[in-house]
Amino acid sequence: MRIKVLLICSECLSRNYVTTINSSGVKKEGFKKYCKHCGKQTLHKISK
């Protein structure tokens, strides 16, 4: 089953991305994504 999650930048705490992941993928710590507020690639953590 896929669940909808928010991805939050670990530096500026802005909510940039909404995505779906498998329920088994919840254990993953985060994703390296581009943050338009920071202007660079940062770690984005999962928030429900």
PDB file of N, CA and C in Angstrom:
ATOM      1  N   MET A   1       0.842  -1.182   0.000  1.00  0.00           N
ATOM      2  CA  MET A   1       0.000   0.000   0.000  1.00  0.00           C
ATOM      3  C   MET A   1       0.888   1.245   0.000  1.00  0.00           C
ATOM      4  N   ARG A   2       0.514   2.241  -0.782  1.00  0.00           N
ATOM      5  CA  ARG A   2       1.289   3.480  -0.881  1.00  0.00           C
ATOM      6  C   ARG A   2       0.648   4.531   0.014  1.00  0.00           C
ATOM      7  N   ILE A   3       1.491   5.299   0.696  1.00  0.00           N
ATOM      8  CA  ILE A   3       1.003   6.375   1.561  1.00  0.00           C
ATOM      9  C   ILE A   3       1.565   7.703   1.087  1.00  0.00           C
ATOM     10  N   LYS A   4       0.817   8.769   1.311  1.00  0.00           N
ATOM     11  CA  LYS A   4       1.232  10.110   0.909  1.00  0.00           C
ATOM     12  C   LYS A   4       2.029  10.742   2.044  1.00  0.00           C
ATOM     13  N   VAL A   5       3.192  11.307   1.721  1.00  0.00           N
ATOM     14  CA  VAL A   5       4.053  11.929   2.724  1.00  0.00           C
ATOM     15  C   VAL A   5       4.533  13.287   2.228  1.00  0.00           C
ATOM     16  N   LEU A   6       4.898  14.145   3.162  1.00  0.00           N
ATOM     17  CA  LEU A   6       5.533  15.427   2.875  1.00  0.00           C
ATOM     18  C   LEU A   6       7.029  15.274   3.090  1.00  0.00           C
ATOM     19  N   LEU A   7       7.814  15.957   2.275  1.00  0.00           N
ATOM     20  CA  LEU A   7       9.258  15.986   2.470  1.00  0.00           C
ATOM     21  C   LEU A   7       9.644  17.376   2.957  1.00  0.00           C
ATOM     22  N   ILE A   8      10.338  17.427   4.094  1.00  0.00           N
ATOM     23  CA  ILE A   8      10.696  18.684   4.739  1.00  0.00           C
ATOM     24  C   ILE A   8      12.205  18.851   4.708  1.00  0.00           C
ATOM     25  N   CYS A   9      12.653  20.032   4.285  1.00  0.00           N
ATOM     26  CA  CYS A   9      14.079  20.341   4.234  1.00  0.00           C
ATOM     27  C   CYS A   9      14.654  20.315   5.653  1.00  0.00           C
ATOM     28  N   SER A  10      15.802  19.675   5.816  1.00  0.00           N
ATOM     29  CA  SER A  10      16.399  19.563   7.147  1.00  0.00           C
ATOM     30  C   SER A  10      17.086  20.855   7.583  1.00  0.00           C
ATOM     31  N   GLU A  11      17.359  21.780   6.652  1.00  0.00           N
ATOM     32  CA  GLU A  11      18.033  23.028   7.015  1.00  0.00           C
ATOM     33  C   GLU A  11      17.061  24.171   7.284  1.00  0.00           C
ATOM     34  N   CYS A  12      16.168  24.443   6.320  1.00  0.00           N
ATOM     35  CA  CYS A  12      15.275  25.599   6.491  1.00  0.00           C
ATOM     36  C   CYS A  12      13.864  25.198   6.925  1.00  0.00           C
ATOM     37  N   LEU A  13      13.592  23.896   7.034  1.00  0.00           N
ATOM     38  CA  LEU A  13      12.314  23.345   7.500  1.00  0.00           C
ATOM     39  C   LEU A  13      11.120  23.723   6.629  1.00  0.00           C
ATOM     40  N   SER A  14      11.359  24.037   5.353  1.00  0.00           N
ATOM     41  CA  SER A  14      10.238  24.321   4.450  1.00  0.00           C
ATOM     42  C   SER A  14       9.727  23.009   3.861  1.00  0.00           C
ATOM     43  N   ARG A  15       8.435  22.949   3.651  1.00  0.00           N
ATOM     44  CA  ARG A  15       7.803  21.755   3.075  1.00  0.00           C
ATOM     45  C   ARG A  15       7.764  21.928   1.562  1.00  0.00           C
ATOM     46  N   ASN A  16       8.644  21.207   0.862  1.00  0.00           N
ATOM     47  CA  ASN A  16       8.826  21.417  -0.570  1.00  0.00           C
ATOM     48  C   ASN A  16       8.127  20.398  -1.446  1.00  0.00           C
ATOM     49  N   TYR A  17       8.077  19.151  -1.034  1.00  0.00           N
ATOM     50  CA  TYR A  17       7.622  18.079  -1.908  1.00  0.00           C
ATOM     51  C   TYR A  17       6.527  17.258  -1.239  1.00  0.00           C
ATOM     52  N   VAL A  18       5.589  16.779  -2.068  1.00  0.00           N
ATOM     53  CA  VAL A  18       4.591  15.806  -1.657  1.00  0.00           C
ATOM     54  C   VAL A  18       4.773  14.612  -2.569  1.00  0.00           C
ATOM     55  N   THR A  19       4.905  13.424  -1.993  1.00  0.00           N
ATOM     56  CA  THR A  19       5.132  12.231  -2.788  1.00  0.00           C
ATOM     57  C   THR A  19       4.449  11.045  -2.126  1.00  0.00           C
ATOM     58  N   THR A  20       4.408   9.923  -2.834  1.00  0.00           N
ATOM     59  CA  THR A  20       3.878   8.687  -2.265  1.00  0.00           C
ATOM     60  C   THR A  20       5.006   7.678  -2.190  1.00  0.00           C
ATOM     61  N   ILE A  21       5.014   6.899  -1.130  1.00  0.00           N
ATOM     62  CA  ILE A  21       6.016   5.843  -0.959  1.00  0.00           C
ATOM     63  C   ILE A  21       5.304   4.582  -0.489  1.00  0.00           C
ATOM     64  N   ASN A  22       5.952   3.442  -0.698  1.00  0.00           N
ATOM     65  CA  ASN A  22       5.422   2.189  -0.181  1.00  0.00           C
ATOM     66  C   ASN A  22       5.464   2.229   1.335  1.00  0.00           C
ATOM     67  N   SER A  23       4.530   1.555   1.968  1.00  0.00           N
ATOM     68  CA  SER A  23       4.508   1.534   3.429  1.00  0.00           C
ATOM     69  C   SER A  23       5.757   0.857   3.981  1.00  0.00           C
ATOM     70  N   SER A  24       6.401   0.006   3.190  1.00  0.00           N
ATOM     71  CA  SER A  24       7.649  -0.615   3.629  1.00  0.00           C
ATOM     72  C   SER A  24       8.821   0.363   3.509  1.00  0.00           C
ATOM     73  N   GLY A  25       8.671   1.444   2.732  1.00  0.00           N
ATOM     74  CA  GLY A  25       9.728   2.427   2.547  1.00  0.00           C
ATOM     75  C   GLY A  25       9.759   3.505   3.607  1.00  0.00           C
ATOM     76  N   VAL A  26       8.872   3.424   4.602  1.00  0.00           N
ATOM     77  CA  VAL A  26       8.813   4.435   5.655  1.00  0.00           C
ATOM     78  C   VAL A  26      10.082   4.439   6.485  1.00  0.00           C
ATOM     79  N   LYS A  27      10.773   3.322   6.537  1.00  0.00           N
ATOM     80  CA  LYS A  27      12.002   3.217   7.332  1.00  0.00           C
ATOM     81  C   LYS A  27      13.137   4.053   6.747  1.00  0.00           C
ATOM     82  N   LYS A  28      13.006   4.433   5.478  1.00  0.00           N
ATOM     83  CA  LYS A  28      14.048   5.240   4.840  1.00  0.00           C
ATOM     84  C   LYS A  28      14.147   6.598   5.529  1.00  0.00           C
ATOM     85  N   GLU A  29      15.354   7.037   5.782  1.00  0.00           N
ATOM     86  CA  GLU A  29      15.574   8.244   6.563  1.00  0.00           C
ATOM     87  C   GLU A  29      15.209   9.519   5.820  1.00  0.00           C
ATOM     88  N   GLY A  30      15.487   9.578   4.535  1.00  0.00           N
ATOM     89  CA  GLY A  30      15.179  10.788   3.784  1.00  0.00           C
ATOM     90  C   GLY A  30      15.694  10.711   2.364  1.00  0.00           C
ATOM     91  N   PHE A  31      15.559  11.818   1.643  1.00  0.00           N
ATOM     92  CA  PHE A  31      15.963  11.900   0.248  1.00  0.00           C
ATOM     93  C   PHE A  31      16.807  13.151   0.046  1.00  0.00           C
ATOM     94  N   LYS A  32      17.783  13.079  -0.850  1.00  0.00           N
ATOM     95  CA  LYS A  32      18.532  14.266  -1.247  1.00  0.00           C
ATOM     96  C   LYS A  32      17.748  14.946  -2.359  1.00  0.00           C
ATOM     97  N   LYS A  33      17.191  16.118  -2.083  1.00  0.00           N
ATOM     98  CA  LYS A  33      16.383  16.852  -3.048  1.00  0.00           C
ATOM     99  C   LYS A  33      16.859  18.296  -3.100  1.00  0.00           C
ATOM    100  N   TYR A  34      16.498  18.990  -4.188  1.00  0.00           N
ATOM    101  CA  TYR A  34      16.834  20.398  -4.334  1.00  0.00           C
ATOM    102  C   TYR A  34      15.823  21.236  -3.554  1.00  0.00           C
ATOM    103  N   CYS A  35      16.306  22.156  -2.744  1.00  0.00           N
ATOM    104  CA  CYS A  35      15.446  23.079  -1.995  1.00  0.00           C
ATOM    105  C   CYS A  35      15.541  24.452  -2.653  1.00  0.00           C
ATOM    106  N   LYS A  36      14.409  24.961  -3.142  1.00  0.00           N
ATOM    107  CA  LYS A  36      14.437  26.252  -3.829  1.00  0.00           C
ATOM    108  C   LYS A  36      14.658  27.409  -2.860  1.00  0.00           C
ATOM    109  N   HIS A  37      14.376  27.199  -1.576  1.00  0.00           N
ATOM    110  CA  HIS A  37      14.594  28.253  -0.580  1.00  0.00           C
ATOM    111  C   HIS A  37      16.067  28.349  -0.177  1.00  0.00           C
ATOM    112  N   CYS A  38      16.731  27.196  -0.026  1.00  0.00           N
ATOM    113  CA  CYS A  38      18.160  27.177   0.308  1.00  0.00           C
ATOM    114  C   CYS A  38      19.025  27.387  -0.933  1.00  0.00           C
ATOM    115  N   GLY A  39      18.538  26.952  -2.087  1.00  0.00           N
ATOM    116  CA  GLY A  39      19.289  27.073  -3.319  1.00  0.00           C
ATOM    117  C   GLY A  39      20.330  25.983  -3.512  1.00  0.00           C
ATOM    118  N   LYS A  40      20.160  24.850  -2.833  1.00  0.00           N
ATOM    119  CA  LYS A  40      21.108  23.743  -2.975  1.00  0.00           C
ATOM    120  C   LYS A  40      20.416  22.424  -2.636  1.00  0.00           C
ATOM    121  N   GLN A  41      21.124  21.326  -2.872  1.00  0.00           N
ATOM    122  CA  GLN A  41      20.593  20.016  -2.538  1.00  0.00           C
ATOM    123  C   GLN A  41      20.801  19.747  -1.059  1.00  0.00           C
ATOM    124  N   THR A  42      19.717  19.396  -0.373  1.00  0.00           N
ATOM    125  CA  THR A  42      19.790  19.099   1.043  1.00  0.00           C
ATOM    126  C   THR A  42      19.028  17.815   1.326  1.00  0.00           C
ATOM    127  N   LEU A  43      19.195  17.294   2.509  1.00  0.00           N
ATOM    128  CA  LEU A  43      18.456  16.115   2.935  1.00  0.00           C
ATOM    129  C   LEU A  43      17.033  16.528   3.293  1.00  0.00           C
ATOM    130  N   HIS A  44      16.050  15.856   2.727  1.00  0.00           N
ATOM    131  CA  HIS A  44      14.652  16.106   3.029  1.00  0.00           C
ATOM    132  C   HIS A  44      14.110  14.911   3.797  1.00  0.00           C
ATOM    133  N   LYS A  45      13.596  15.161   4.987  1.00  0.00           N
ATOM    134  CA  LYS A  45      13.085  14.087   5.843  1.00  0.00           C
ATOM    135  C   LYS A  45      11.600  13.878   5.599  1.00  0.00           C
ATOM    136  N   ILE A  46      11.133  12.691   5.943  1.00  0.00           N
ATOM    137  CA  ILE A  46       9.746  12.301   5.713  1.00  0.00           C
ATOM    138  C   ILE A  46       8.868  12.768   6.864  1.00  0.00           C
ATOM    139  N   SER A  47       7.742  13.360   6.519  1.00  0.00           N
ATOM    140  CA  SER A  47       6.727  13.767   7.497  1.00  0.00           C
ATOM    141  C   SER A  47       5.383  13.301   6.971  1.00  0.00           C
ATOM    142  N   LYS A  48       4.511  12.825   7.849  1.00  0.00           N
ATOM    143  CA  LYS A  48       3.211  12.322   7.405  1.00  0.00           C
ATOM    144  C   LYS A  48       2.157  13.378   7.444  1.00  0.00           C
TER     145      LYS A  48
END
